Amino acid sequence: MDVPSDLGENLDPRYVLENRKYQRYEYAGEGLIRKQKPFECMRPWKKITLGALGEIIPCELDYKSMTSYGRIHNGTSAVSLWKNEKARKFLALFNRGNNEFEICKDCNYKNMMAKDYIVERIGL
């Protein structure tokens, strides 16, 4: 569960899972402020991300394809777009820590406890 930061710095306790095992973040104080920790983003280097409109983007959080490397069409491969000049220029400006790019401002991956989601089969 992610709560956008534009709802305020403190998270509403109604949206935080009680079972710590399933929480994506650690919280400081009663106000449920996400604990800050060093962050190194490697997503643009590790994963090819395909947007809904066929755009190759550096991160799945680029919902509007603002940093698109190009669109797959007429036989264009995802890998060729991921390695093209637009991608190289973006990566040259990208910092592995905090970035000023619009897509990085509300990054859901900063300060996560777990690397990704937890999937668990439970009996009903």
PDB file of N, CA and C in Angstrom:
ATOM      1  N   MET A   1       0.854  -1.176   0.000  1.00  0.00           N
ATOM      2  CA  MET A   1       0.000   0.000   0.000  1.00  0.00           C
ATOM      3  C   MET A   1       0.892   1.228   0.000  1.00  0.00           C
ATOM      4  N   ASP A   2       0.679   2.113  -0.934  1.00  0.00           N
ATOM      5  CA  ASP A   2       1.424   3.358  -0.983  1.00  0.00           C
ATOM      6  C   ASP A   2       0.465   4.514  -0.813  1.00  0.00           C
ATOM      7  N   VAL A   3       0.887   5.501  -0.059  1.00  0.00           N
ATOM      8  CA  VAL A   3       0.093   6.715   0.115  1.00  0.00           C
ATOM      9  C   VAL A   3       0.929   7.851  -0.456  1.00  0.00           C
ATOM     10  N   PRO A   4       0.424   8.552  -1.475  1.00  0.00           N
ATOM     11  CA  PRO A   4       1.207   9.641  -2.075  1.00  0.00           C
ATOM     12  C   PRO A   4       1.605  10.692  -1.057  1.00  0.00           C
ATOM     13  N   SER A   5       2.798  11.237  -1.237  1.00  0.00           N
ATOM     14  CA  SER A   5       3.284  12.233  -0.284  1.00  0.00           C
ATOM     15  C   SER A   5       2.516  13.542  -0.370  1.00  0.00           C
ATOM     16  N   ASP A   6       1.774  13.772  -1.463  1.00  0.00           N
ATOM     17  CA  ASP A   6       1.046  15.035  -1.554  1.00  0.00           C
ATOM     18  C   ASP A   6      -0.149  15.077  -0.602  1.00  0.00           C
ATOM     19  N   LEU A   7      -0.383  13.990   0.119  1.00  0.00           N
ATOM     20  CA  LEU A   7      -1.420  14.001   1.140  1.00  0.00           C
ATOM     21  C   LEU A   7      -0.855  14.480   2.477  1.00  0.00           C
ATOM     22  N   GLY A   8       0.382  14.842   2.506  1.00  0.00           N
ATOM     23  CA  GLY A   8       1.019  15.317   3.730  1.00  0.00           C
ATOM     24  C   GLY A   8       2.218  14.460   4.069  1.00  0.00           C
ATOM     25  N   GLU A   9       3.076  14.979   4.918  1.00  0.00           N
ATOM     26  CA  GLU A   9       4.272  14.224   5.302  1.00  0.00           C
ATOM     27  C   GLU A   9       3.926  13.027   6.169  1.00  0.00           C
ATOM     28  N   ASN A  10       2.946  13.191   7.046  1.00  0.00           N
ATOM     29  CA  ASN A  10       2.558  12.104   7.922  1.00  0.00           C
ATOM     30  C   ASN A  10       1.503  11.251   7.238  1.00  0.00           C
ATOM     31  N   LEU A  11       1.635   9.949   7.378  1.00  0.00           N
ATOM     32  CA  LEU A  11       0.676   9.044   6.768  1.00  0.00           C
ATOM     33  C   LEU A  11      -0.506   8.822   7.700  1.00  0.00           C
ATOM     34  N   ASP A  12      -1.655   8.653   7.127  1.00  0.00           N
ATOM     35  CA  ASP A  12      -2.857   8.372   7.898  1.00  0.00           C
ATOM     36  C   ASP A  12      -2.738   6.956   8.450  1.00  0.00           C
ATOM     37  N   PRO A  13      -2.829   6.772   9.762  1.00  0.00           N
ATOM     38  CA  PRO A  13      -2.652   5.447  10.353  1.00  0.00           C
ATOM     39  C   PRO A  13      -3.657   4.409   9.844  1.00  0.00           C
ATOM     40  N   ARG A  14      -4.761   4.851   9.285  1.00  0.00           N
ATOM     41  CA  ARG A  14      -5.753   3.896   8.754  1.00  0.00           C
ATOM     42  C   ARG A  14      -5.193   3.116   7.568  1.00  0.00           C
ATOM     43  N   TYR A  15      -4.184   3.658   6.893  1.00  0.00           N
ATOM     44  CA  TYR A  15      -3.658   3.029   5.691  1.00  0.00           C
ATOM     45  C   TYR A  15      -2.375   2.246   5.922  1.00  0.00           C
ATOM     46  N   VAL A  16      -1.932   2.152   7.145  1.00  0.00           N
ATOM     47  CA  VAL A  16      -0.716   1.405   7.455  1.00  0.00           C
ATOM     48  C   VAL A  16      -1.114   0.023   7.945  1.00  0.00           C
ATOM     49  N   LEU A  17      -0.551  -1.001   7.299  1.00  0.00           N
ATOM     50  CA  LEU A  17      -0.863  -2.371   7.691  1.00  0.00           C
ATOM     51  C   LEU A  17      -0.365  -2.638   9.105  1.00  0.00           C
ATOM     52  N   GLU A  18      -1.188  -3.281   9.904  1.00  0.00           N
ATOM     53  CA  GLU A  18      -0.811  -3.553  11.296  1.00  0.00           C
ATOM     54  C   GLU A  18       0.332  -4.556  11.393  1.00  0.00           C
ATOM     55  N   ASN A  19       0.291  -5.563  10.552  1.00  0.00           N
ATOM     56  CA  ASN A  19       1.323  -6.586  10.587  1.00  0.00           C
ATOM     57  C   ASN A  19       2.601  -6.021   9.972  1.00  0.00           C
ATOM     58  N   ARG A  20       3.605  -5.836  10.784  1.00  0.00           N
ATOM     59  CA  ARG A  20       4.869  -5.235  10.348  1.00  0.00           C
ATOM     60  C   ARG A  20       5.499  -6.008   9.183  1.00  0.00           C
ATOM     61  N   LYS A  21       5.242  -7.280   9.112  1.00  0.00           N
ATOM     62  CA  LYS A  21       5.788  -8.124   8.048  1.00  0.00           C
ATOM     63  C   LYS A  21       5.388  -7.604   6.662  1.00  0.00           C
ATOM     64  N   TYR A  22       4.215  -6.992   6.548  1.00  0.00           N
ATOM     65  CA  TYR A  22       3.707  -6.547   5.264  1.00  0.00           C
ATOM     66  C   TYR A  22       3.896  -5.052   5.021  1.00  0.00           C
ATOM     67  N   GLN A  23       4.474  -4.345   5.968  1.00  0.00           N
ATOM     68  CA  GLN A  23       4.712  -2.914   5.785  1.00  0.00           C
ATOM     69  C   GLN A  23       5.893  -2.708   4.850  1.00  0.00           C
ATOM     70  N   ARG A  24       5.763  -1.757   3.931  1.00  0.00           N
ATOM     71  CA  ARG A  24       6.864  -1.452   3.011  1.00  0.00           C
ATOM     72  C   ARG A  24       7.878  -0.505   3.636  1.00  0.00           C
ATOM     73  N   TYR A  25       7.480   0.235   4.665  1.00  0.00           N
ATOM     74  CA  TYR A  25       8.340   1.267   5.247  1.00  0.00           C
ATOM     75  C   TYR A  25       8.405   1.119   6.760  1.00  0.00           C
ATOM     76  N   GLU A  26       9.448   1.702   7.343  1.00  0.00           N
ATOM     77  CA  GLU A  26       9.529   1.846   8.788  1.00  0.00           C
ATOM     78  C   GLU A  26       9.074   3.267   9.099  1.00  0.00           C
ATOM     79  N   TYR A  27       8.445   3.436  10.238  1.00  0.00           N
ATOM     80  CA  TYR A  27       7.893   4.741  10.583  1.00  0.00           C
ATOM     81  C   TYR A  27       8.517   5.256  11.880  1.00  0.00           C
ATOM     82  N   ALA A  28       8.689   6.566  11.942  1.00  0.00           N
ATOM     83  CA  ALA A  28       9.263   7.209  13.126  1.00  0.00           C
ATOM     84  C   ALA A  28       8.160   7.975  13.839  1.00  0.00           C
ATOM     85  N   GLY A  29       8.068   7.810  15.142  1.00  0.00           N
ATOM     86  CA  GLY A  29       7.122   8.586  15.934  1.00  0.00           C
ATOM     87  C   GLY A  29       5.674   8.182  15.724  1.00  0.00           C
ATOM     88  N   GLU A  30       4.800   8.859  16.425  1.00  0.00           N
ATOM     89  CA  GLU A  30       3.378   8.547  16.347  1.00  0.00           C
ATOM     90  C   GLU A  30       2.744   9.075  15.074  1.00  0.00           C
ATOM     91  N   GLY A  31       3.391  10.043  14.426  1.00  0.00           N
ATOM     92  CA  GLY A  31       2.827  10.648  13.236  1.00  0.00           C
ATOM     93  C   GLY A  31       3.014   9.832  11.970  1.00  0.00           C
ATOM     94  N   LEU A  32       3.639   8.669  12.087  1.00  0.00           N
ATOM     95  CA  LEU A  32       3.896   7.792  10.952  1.00  0.00           C
ATOM     96  C   LEU A  32       4.661   8.492   9.833  1.00  0.00           C
ATOM     97  N   ILE A  33       5.770   9.098  10.197  1.00  0.00           N
ATOM     98  CA  ILE A  33       6.667   9.707   9.227  1.00  0.00           C
ATOM     99  C   ILE A  33       7.622   8.612   8.766  1.00  0.00           C
ATOM    100  N   ARG A  34       7.793   8.466   7.457  1.00  0.00           N
ATOM    101  CA  ARG A  34       8.718   7.452   6.960  1.00  0.00           C
ATOM    102  C   ARG A  34      10.124   7.763   7.435  1.00  0.00           C
ATOM    103  N   LYS A  35      10.786   6.753   7.994  1.00  0.00           N
ATOM    104  CA  LYS A  35      12.175   6.917   8.412  1.00  0.00           C
ATOM    105  C   LYS A  35      13.039   7.109   7.174  1.00  0.00           C
ATOM    106  N   GLN A  36      13.939   8.050   7.243  1.00  0.00           N
ATOM    107  CA  GLN A  36      14.852   8.310   6.132  1.00  0.00           C
ATOM    108  C   GLN A  36      16.037   7.363   6.227  1.00  0.00           C
ATOM    109  N   LYS A  37      16.474   6.857   5.095  1.00  0.00           N
ATOM    110  CA  LYS A  37      17.670   6.027   5.064  1.00  0.00           C
ATOM    111  C   LYS A  37      18.371   6.246   3.734  1.00  0.00           C
ATOM    112  N   PRO A  38      19.639   5.918   3.631  1.00  0.00           N
ATOM    113  CA  PRO A  38      20.354   6.124   2.368  1.00  0.00           C
ATOM    114  C   PRO A  38      19.641   5.390   1.238  1.00  0.00           C
ATOM    115  N   PHE A  39      19.597   6.031   0.082  1.00  0.00           N
ATOM    116  CA  PHE A  39      18.865   5.453  -1.041  1.00  0.00           C
ATOM    117  C   PHE A  39      19.739   5.473  -2.286  1.00  0.00           C
ATOM    118  N   GLU A  40      19.792   4.344  -2.957  1.00  0.00           N
ATOM    119  CA  GLU A  40      20.527   4.253  -4.208  1.00  0.00           C
ATOM    120  C   GLU A  40      19.619   3.601  -5.243  1.00  0.00           C
ATOM    121  N   CYS A  41      19.153   4.380  -6.177  1.00  0.00           N
ATOM    122  CA  CYS A  41      18.238   3.881  -7.203  1.00  0.00           C
ATOM    123  C   CYS A  41      19.026   3.342  -8.397  1.00  0.00           C
ATOM    124  N   MET A  42      18.758   2.103  -8.725  1.00  0.00           N
ATOM    125  CA  MET A  42      19.407   1.467  -9.869  1.00  0.00           C
ATOM    126  C   MET A  42      18.392   1.058 -10.932  1.00  0.00           C
ATOM    127  N   ARG A  43      17.116   1.409 -10.728  1.00  0.00           N
ATOM    128  CA  ARG A  43      16.058   0.967 -11.648  1.00  0.00           C
ATOM    129  C   ARG A  43      16.325   1.306 -13.110  1.00  0.00           C
ATOM    130  N   PRO A  44      16.754   2.531 -13.439  1.00  0.00           N
ATOM    131  CA  PRO A  44      16.964   2.831 -14.866  1.00  0.00           C
ATOM    132  C   PRO A  44      18.046   1.976 -15.524  1.00  0.00           C
ATOM    133  N   TRP A  45      18.954   1.422 -14.725  1.00  0.00           N
ATOM    134  CA  TRP A  45      20.030   0.585 -15.262  1.00  0.00           C
ATOM    135  C   TRP A  45      19.652  -0.898 -15.260  1.00  0.00           C
ATOM    136  N   LYS A  46      18.764  -1.306 -14.359  1.00  0.00           N
ATOM    137  CA  LYS A  46      18.486  -2.726 -14.167  1.00  0.00           C
ATOM    138  C   LYS A  46      17.275  -3.256 -14.910  1.00  0.00           C
ATOM    139  N   LYS A  47      16.282  -2.402 -15.184  1.00  0.00           N
ATOM    140  CA  LYS A  47      15.022  -2.902 -15.731  1.00  0.00           C
ATOM    141  C   LYS A  47      14.579  -2.093 -16.939  1.00  0.00           C
ATOM    142  N   ILE A  48      14.131  -2.804 -17.962  1.00  0.00           N
ATOM    143  CA  ILE A  48      13.469  -2.139 -19.074  1.00  0.00           C
ATOM    144  C   ILE A  48      12.008  -2.019 -18.670  1.00  0.00           C
ATOM    145  N   THR A  49      11.485  -0.800 -18.707  1.00  0.00           N
ATOM    146  CA  THR A  49      10.100  -0.583 -18.301  1.00  0.00           C
ATOM    147  C   THR A  49       9.291  -0.113 -19.492  1.00  0.00           C
ATOM    148  N   LEU A  50       8.214  -0.821 -19.752  1.00  0.00           N
ATOM    149  CA  LEU A  50       7.317  -0.505 -20.848  1.00  0.00           C
ATOM    150  C   LEU A  50       6.081   0.181 -20.301  1.00  0.00           C
ATOM    151  N   GLY A  51       5.847   1.423 -20.738  1.00  0.00           N
ATOM    152  CA  GLY A  51       4.666   2.162 -20.324  1.00  0.00           C
ATOM    153  C   GLY A  51       3.429   1.676 -21.069  1.00  0.00           C
ATOM    154  N   ALA A  52       2.274   2.114 -20.628  1.00  0.00           N
ATOM    155  CA  ALA A  52       0.994   1.668 -21.175  1.00  0.00           C
ATOM    156  C   ALA A  52       0.817   2.009 -22.653  1.00  0.00           C
ATOM    157  N   LEU A  53       1.481   3.047 -23.129  1.00  0.00           N
ATOM    158  CA  LEU A  53       1.330   3.469 -24.523  1.00  0.00           C
ATOM    159  C   LEU A  53       2.477   2.996 -25.412  1.00  0.00           C
ATOM    160  N   GLY A  54       3.257   2.020 -24.910  1.00  0.00           N
ATOM    161  CA  GLY A  54       4.354   1.485 -25.705  1.00  0.00           C
ATOM    162  C   GLY A  54       5.654   2.252 -25.565  1.00  0.00           C
ATOM    163  N   GLU A  55       5.717   3.161 -24.609  1.00  0.00           N
ATOM    164  CA  GLU A  55       6.926   3.952 -24.372  1.00  0.00           C
ATOM    165  C   GLU A  55       7.892   3.170 -23.478  1.00  0.00           C
ATOM    166  N   ILE A  56       9.170   3.253 -23.783  1.00  0.00           N
ATOM    167  CA  ILE A  56      10.195   2.711 -22.884  1.00  0.00           C
ATOM    168  C   ILE A  56      10.598   3.860 -21.966  1.00  0.00           C
ATOM    169  N   ILE A  57      10.435   3.634 -20.662  1.00  0.00           N
ATOM    170  CA  ILE A  57      10.656   4.668 -19.651  1.00  0.00           C
ATOM    171  C   ILE A  57      11.645   4.150 -18.600  1.00  0.00           C
ATOM    172  N   PRO A  58      12.312   5.045 -17.865  1.00  0.00           N
ATOM    173  CA  PRO A  58      13.325   4.602 -16.907  1.00  0.00           C
ATOM    174  C   PRO A  58      12.762   3.959 -15.644  1.00  0.00           C
ATOM    175  N   CYS A  59      11.480   4.195 -15.347  1.00  0.00           N
ATOM    176  CA  CYS A  59      10.895   3.694 -14.103  1.00  0.00           C
ATOM    177  C   CYS A  59       9.386   3.597 -14.252  1.00  0.00           C
ATOM    178  N   GLU A  60       8.793   2.614 -13.607  1.00  0.00           N
ATOM    179  CA  GLU A  60       7.340   2.455 -13.682  1.00  0.00           C
ATOM    180  C   GLU A  60       6.578   3.599 -13.016  1.00  0.00           C
ATOM    181  N   LEU A  61       7.265   4.444 -12.259  1.00  0.00           N
ATOM    182  CA  LEU A  61       6.613   5.593 -11.643  1.00  0.00           C
ATOM    183  C   LEU A  61       6.475   6.771 -12.606  1.00  0.00           C
ATOM    184  N   ASP A  62       6.995   6.633 -13.804  1.00  0.00           N
ATOM    185  CA  ASP A  62       6.842   7.665 -14.842  1.00  0.00           C
ATOM    186  C   ASP A  62       5.524   7.409 -15.572  1.00  0.00           C
ATOM    187  N   TYR A  63       4.416   7.609 -14.865  1.00  0.00           N
ATOM    188  CA  TYR A  63       3.090   7.292 -15.379  1.00  0.00           C
ATOM    189  C   TYR A  63       2.736   8.058 -16.649  1.00  0.00           C
ATOM    190  N   LYS A  64       3.270   9.252 -16.796  1.00  0.00           N
ATOM    191  CA  LYS A  64       2.940  10.106 -17.943  1.00  0.00           C
ATOM    192  C   LYS A  64       3.984  10.026 -19.055  1.00  0.00           C
ATOM    193  N   SER A  65       4.925   9.123 -18.938  1.00  0.00           N
ATOM    194  CA  SER A  65       6.009   8.952 -19.915  1.00  0.00           C
ATOM    195  C   SER A  65       6.750  10.265 -20.187  1.00  0.00           C
ATOM    196  N   MET A  66       7.028  11.023 -19.109  1.00  0.00           N
ATOM    197  CA  MET A  66       7.715  12.308 -19.235  1.00  0.00           C
ATOM    198  C   MET A  66       9.177  12.133 -19.635  1.00  0.00           C
ATOM    199  N   THR A  67       9.752  10.986 -19.300  1.00  0.00           N
ATOM    200  CA  THR A  67      11.161  10.749 -19.617  1.00  0.00           C
ATOM    201  C   THR A  67      11.297   9.582 -20.583  1.00  0.00           C
ATOM    202  N   SER A  68      10.393   9.507 -21.546  1.00  0.00           N
ATOM    203  CA  SER A  68      10.369   8.411 -22.499  1.00  0.00           C
ATOM    204  C   SER A  68      11.641   8.376 -23.350  1.00  0.00           C
ATOM    205  N   TYR A  69      12.124   7.159 -23.582  1.00  0.00           N
ATOM    206  CA  TYR A  69      13.252   6.953 -24.475  1.00  0.00           C
ATOM    207  C   TYR A  69      12.769   6.736 -25.913  1.00  0.00           C
ATOM    208  N   GLY A  70      11.470   6.582 -26.074  1.00  0.00           N
ATOM    209  CA  GLY A  70      10.875   6.355 -27.383  1.00  0.00           C
ATOM    210  C   GLY A  70       9.793   5.300 -27.302  1.00  0.00           C
ATOM    211  N   ARG A  71       9.031   5.188 -28.366  1.00  0.00           N
ATOM    212  CA  ARG A  71       7.898   4.259 -28.414  1.00  0.00           C
ATOM    213  C   ARG A  71       8.219   3.068 -29.320  1.00  0.00           C
ATOM    214  N   ILE A  72       7.828   1.893 -28.867  1.00  0.00           N
ATOM    215  CA  ILE A  72       7.988   0.689 -29.666  1.00  0.00           C
ATOM    216  C   ILE A  72       6.967   0.729 -30.807  1.00  0.00           C
ATOM    217  N   HIS A  73       7.442   0.671 -32.046  1.00  0.00           N
ATOM    218  CA  HIS A  73       6.572   0.606 -33.216  1.00  0.00           C
ATOM    219  C   HIS A  73       7.403   0.229 -34.440  1.00  0.00           C
ATOM    220  N   ASN A  74       6.749  -0.309 -35.425  1.00  0.00           N
ATOM    221  CA  ASN A  74       7.408  -0.679 -36.691  1.00  0.00           C
ATOM    222  C   ASN A  74       8.704  -1.465 -36.495  1.00  0.00           C
ATOM    223  N   GLY A  75       8.693  -2.427 -35.590  1.00  0.00           N
ATOM    224  CA  GLY A  75       9.854  -3.289 -35.406  1.00  0.00           C
ATOM    225  C   GLY A  75      10.943  -2.748 -34.492  1.00  0.00           C
ATOM    226  N   THR A  76      10.730  -1.566 -33.916  1.00  0.00           N
ATOM    227  CA  THR A  76      11.712  -1.019 -32.968  1.00  0.00           C
ATOM    228  C   THR A  76      11.753  -1.921 -31.741  1.00  0.00           C
ATOM    229  N   SER A  77      12.914  -2.296 -31.296  1.00  0.00           N
ATOM    230  CA  SER A  77      13.012  -3.175 -30.122  1.00  0.00           C
ATOM    231  C   SER A  77      13.116  -2.365 -28.834  1.00  0.00           C
ATOM    232  N   ALA A  78      12.646  -2.965 -27.754  1.00  0.00           N
ATOM    233  CA  ALA A  78      12.731  -2.335 -26.435  1.00  0.00           C
ATOM    234  C   ALA A  78      14.191  -2.098 -26.053  1.00  0.00           C
ATOM    235  N   VAL A  79      15.053  -3.062 -26.353  1.00  0.00           N
ATOM    236  CA  VAL A  79      16.471  -2.944 -25.997  1.00  0.00           C
ATOM    237  C   VAL A  79      17.128  -1.790 -26.746  1.00  0.00           C
ATOM    238  N   SER A  80      16.804  -1.616 -28.021  1.00  0.00           N
ATOM    239  CA  SER A  80      17.428  -0.516 -28.777  1.00  0.00           C
ATOM    240  C   SER A  80      17.004   0.843 -28.215  1.00  0.00           C
ATOM    241  N   LEU A  81      15.775   0.957 -27.768  1.00  0.00           N
ATOM    242  CA  LEU A  81      15.326   2.212 -27.156  1.00  0.00           C
ATOM    243  C   LEU A  81      15.974   2.422 -25.789  1.00  0.00           C
ATOM    244  N   TRP A  82      16.120   1.342 -25.037  1.00  0.00           N
ATOM    245  CA  TRP A  82      16.699   1.398 -23.693  1.00  0.00           C
ATOM    246  C   TRP A  82      18.176   1.804 -23.743  1.00  0.00           C
ATOM    247  N   LYS A  83      18.807   1.609 -24.896  1.00  0.00           N
ATOM    248  CA  LYS A  83      20.226   1.933 -25.051  1.00  0.00           C
ATOM    249  C   LYS A  83      20.464   3.097 -26.008  1.00  0.00           C
ATOM    250  N   ASN A  84      19.409   3.815 -26.382  1.00  0.00           N
ATOM    251  CA  ASN A  84      19.579   4.882 -27.374  1.00  0.00           C
ATOM    252  C   ASN A  84      20.145   6.171 -26.756  1.00  0.00           C
ATOM    253  N   GLU A  85      20.289   7.192 -27.572  1.00  0.00           N
ATOM    254  CA  GLU A  85      20.884   8.466 -27.133  1.00  0.00           C
ATOM    255  C   GLU A  85      20.058   9.146 -26.044  1.00  0.00           C
ATOM    256  N   LYS A  86      18.732   9.110 -26.159  1.00  0.00           N
ATOM    257  CA  LYS A  86      17.874   9.710 -25.118  1.00  0.00           C
ATOM    258  C   LYS A  86      18.123   9.042 -23.771  1.00  0.00           C
ATOM    259  N   ALA A  87      18.228   7.726 -23.783  1.00  0.00           N
ATOM    260  CA  ALA A  87      18.483   6.983 -22.553  1.00  0.00           C
ATOM    261  C   ALA A  87      19.849   7.338 -21.976  1.00  0.00           C
ATOM    262  N   ARG A  88      20.864   7.404 -22.831  1.00  0.00           N
ATOM    263  CA  ARG A  88      22.217   7.752 -22.364  1.00  0.00           C
ATOM    264  C   ARG A  88      22.252   9.152 -21.750  1.00  0.00           C
ATOM    265  N   LYS A  89      21.537  10.104 -22.367  1.00  0.00           N
ATOM    266  CA  LYS A  89      21.500  11.470 -21.825  1.00  0.00           C
ATOM    267  C   LYS A  89      20.796  11.506 -20.473  1.00  0.00           C
ATOM    268  N   PHE A  90      19.692  10.772 -20.362  1.00  0.00           N
ATOM    269  CA  PHE A  90      18.977  10.721 -19.083  1.00  0.00           C
ATOM    270  C   PHE A  90      19.870  10.125 -17.998  1.00  0.00           C
ATOM    271  N   LEU A  91      20.519   9.001 -18.299  1.00  0.00           N
ATOM    272  CA  LEU A  91      21.355   8.328 -17.309  1.00  0.00           C
ATOM    273  C   LEU A  91      22.576   9.162 -16.929  1.00  0.00           C
ATOM    274  N   ALA A  92      23.065   9.975 -17.840  1.00  0.00           N
ATOM    275  CA  ALA A  92      24.199  10.847 -17.527  1.00  0.00           C
ATOM    276  C   ALA A  92      23.811  11.883 -16.478  1.00  0.00           C
ATOM    277  N   LEU A  93      22.545  12.268 -16.450  1.00  0.00           N
ATOM    278  CA  LEU A  93      22.057  13.250 -15.482  1.00  0.00           C
ATOM    279  C   LEU A  93      21.504  12.612 -14.215  1.00  0.00           C
ATOM    280  N   PHE A  94      21.236  11.319 -14.288  1.00  0.00           N
ATOM    281  CA  PHE A  94      20.591  10.622 -13.175  1.00  0.00           C
ATOM    282  C   PHE A  94      21.590  10.348 -12.062  1.00  0.00           C
ATOM    283  N   ASN A  95      21.180  10.644 -10.853  1.00  0.00           N
ATOM    284  CA  ASN A  95      21.996  10.418  -9.671  1.00  0.00           C
ATOM    285  C   ASN A  95      21.438   9.188  -8.965  1.00  0.00           C
ATOM    286  N   ARG A  96      22.275   8.323  -8.481  1.00  0.00           N
ATOM    287  CA  ARG A  96      21.786   7.109  -7.817  1.00  0.00           C
ATOM    288  C   ARG A  96      21.117   7.392  -6.479  1.00  0.00           C
ATOM    289  N   GLY A  97      21.310   8.577  -5.949  1.00  0.00           N
ATOM    290  CA  GLY A  97      20.651   8.958  -4.698  1.00  0.00           C
ATOM    291  C   GLY A  97      19.376   9.710  -5.008  1.00  0.00           C
ATOM    292  N   ASN A  98      19.245  10.890  -4.478  1.00  0.00           N
ATOM    293  CA  ASN A  98      18.051  11.699  -4.733  1.00  0.00           C
ATOM    294  C   ASN A  98      18.204  12.459  -6.039  1.00  0.00           C
ATOM    295  N   ASN A  99      17.103  12.606  -6.746  1.00  0.00           N
ATOM    296  CA  ASN A  99      17.093  13.286  -8.030  1.00  0.00           C
ATOM    297  C   ASN A  99      16.027  14.362  -8.049  1.00  0.00           C
ATOM    298  N   GLU A 100      16.203  15.320  -8.934  1.00  0.00           N
ATOM    299  CA  GLU A 100      15.234  16.402  -9.084  1.00  0.00           C
ATOM    300  C   GLU A 100      14.251  16.138 -10.225  1.00  0.00           C
ATOM    301  N   PHE A 101      14.363  14.991 -10.878  1.00  0.00           N
ATOM    302  CA  PHE A 101      13.423  14.670 -11.940  1.00  0.00           C
ATOM    303  C   PHE A 101      12.012  14.596 -11.364  1.00  0.00           C
ATOM    304  N   GLU A 102      11.035  14.993 -12.153  1.00  0.00           N
ATOM    305  CA  GLU A 102       9.639  14.970 -11.698  1.00  0.00           C
ATOM    306  C   GLU A 102       9.223  13.573 -11.232  1.00  0.00           C
ATOM    307  N   ILE A 103       9.661  12.544 -11.945  1.00  0.00           N
ATOM    308  CA  ILE A 103       9.271  11.183 -11.570  1.00  0.00           C
ATOM    309  C   ILE A 103       9.895  10.727 -10.251  1.00  0.00           C
ATOM    310  N   CYS A 104      10.955  11.393  -9.814  1.00  0.00           N
ATOM    311  CA  CYS A 104      11.655  10.984  -8.595  1.00  0.00           C
ATOM    312  C   CYS A 104      11.121  11.689  -7.341  1.00  0.00           C
ATOM    313  N   LYS A 105      10.397  12.758  -7.516  1.00  0.00           N
ATOM    314  CA  LYS A 105       9.960  13.561  -6.367  1.00  0.00           C
ATOM    315  C   LYS A 105       9.078  12.784  -5.402  1.00  0.00           C
ATOM    316  N   ASP A 106       8.202  11.935  -5.907  1.00  0.00           N
ATOM    317  CA  ASP A 106       7.313  11.150  -5.050  1.00  0.00           C
ATOM    318  C   ASP A 106       7.631   9.658  -5.144  1.00  0.00           C
ATOM    319  N   CYS A 107       8.902   9.352  -5.219  1.00  0.00           N
ATOM    320  CA  CYS A 107       9.343   7.970  -5.389  1.00  0.00           C
ATOM    321  C   CYS A 107       8.847   7.078  -4.255  1.00  0.00           C
ATOM    322  N   ASN A 108       8.185   5.988  -4.621  1.00  0.00           N
ATOM    323  CA  ASN A 108       7.673   5.034  -3.632  1.00  0.00           C
ATOM    324  C   ASN A 108       8.758   4.093  -3.119  1.00  0.00           C
ATOM    325  N   TYR A 109       9.890   4.070  -3.779  1.00  0.00           N
ATOM    326  CA  TYR A 109      10.923   3.117  -3.413  1.00  0.00           C
ATOM    327  C   TYR A 109      11.903   3.658  -2.371  1.00  0.00           C
ATOM    328  N   LYS A 110      11.915   4.971  -2.178  1.00  0.00           N
ATOM    329  CA  LYS A 110      12.795   5.545  -1.168  1.00  0.00           C
ATOM    330  C   LYS A 110      12.360   5.058   0.210  1.00  0.00           C
ATOM    331  N   ASN A 111      13.304   4.734   1.017  1.00  0.00           N
ATOM    332  CA  ASN A 111      13.084   4.376   2.409  1.00  0.00           C
ATOM    333  C   ASN A 111      12.290   3.087   2.620  1.00  0.00           C
ATOM    334  N   MET A 112      12.251   2.220   1.618  1.00  0.00           N
ATOM    335  CA  MET A 112      11.549   0.949   1.783  1.00  0.00           C
ATOM    336  C   MET A 112      12.332   0.017   2.691  1.00  0.00           C
ATOM    337  N   MET A 113      11.598  -0.776   3.478  1.00  0.00           N
ATOM    338  CA  MET A 113      12.237  -1.803   4.305  1.00  0.00           C
ATOM    339  C   MET A 113      12.608  -2.997   3.440  1.00  0.00           C
ATOM    340  N   ALA A 114      11.689  -3.382   2.562  1.00  0.00           N
ATOM    341  CA  ALA A 114      11.882  -4.546   1.704  1.00  0.00           C
ATOM    342  C   ALA A 114      12.254  -4.076   0.307  1.00  0.00           C
ATOM    343  N   LYS A 115      12.910  -4.922  -0.442  1.00  0.00           N
ATOM    344  CA  LYS A 115      13.303  -4.576  -1.801  1.00  0.00           C
ATOM    345  C   LYS A 115      12.102  -4.510  -2.735  1.00  0.00           C
ATOM    346  N   ASP A 116      11.109  -5.363  -2.510  1.00  0.00           N
ATOM    347  CA  ASP A 116       9.929  -5.368  -3.359  1.00  0.00           C
ATOM    348  C   ASP A 116       8.745  -5.882  -2.561  1.00  0.00           C
ATOM    349  N   TYR A 117       7.717  -6.266  -3.248  1.00  0.00           N
ATOM    350  CA  TYR A 117       6.491  -6.683  -2.591  1.00  0.00           C
ATOM    351  C   TYR A 117       6.619  -8.082  -2.018  1.00  0.00           C
ATOM    352  N   ILE A 118       5.810  -8.359  -0.992  1.00  0.00           N
ATOM    353  CA  ILE A 118       5.783  -9.668  -0.382  1.00  0.00           C
ATOM    354  C   ILE A 118       4.518 -10.354  -0.879  1.00  0.00           C
ATOM    355  N   VAL A 119       4.698 -11.545  -1.415  1.00  0.00           N
ATOM    356  CA  VAL A 119       3.565 -12.347  -1.851  1.00  0.00           C
ATOM    357  C   VAL A 119       3.559 -13.588  -0.991  1.00  0.00           C
ATOM    358  N   GLU A 120       2.417 -13.876  -0.407  1.00  0.00           N
ATOM    359  CA  GLU A 120       2.338 -15.013   0.495  1.00  0.00           C
ATOM    360  C   GLU A 120       1.023 -15.732   0.285  1.00  0.00           C
ATOM    361  N   ARG A 121       1.088 -17.023   0.220  1.00  0.00           N
ATOM    362  CA  ARG A 121      -0.135 -17.822   0.107  1.00  0.00           C
ATOM    363  C   ARG A 121      -0.626 -18.136   1.500  1.00  0.00           C
ATOM    364  N   ILE A 122      -1.882 -17.849   1.726  1.00  0.00           N
ATOM    365  CA  ILE A 122      -2.461 -18.153   3.031  1.00  0.00           C
ATOM    366  C   ILE A 122      -3.699 -19.008   2.812  1.00  0.00           C
ATOM    367  N   GLY A 123      -3.999 -19.827   3.779  1.00  0.00           N
ATOM    368  CA  GLY A 123      -5.194 -20.671   3.706  1.00  0.00           C
ATOM    369  C   GLY A 123      -6.420 -19.885   4.122  1.00  0.00           C
ATOM    370  N   LEU A 124      -7.505 -20.147   3.469  1.00  0.00           N
ATOM    371  CA  LEU A 124      -8.760 -19.463   3.816  1.00  0.00           C
ATOM    372  C   LEU A 124      -9.688 -20.396   4.559  1.00  0.00           C
TER     373      LEU A 124
END
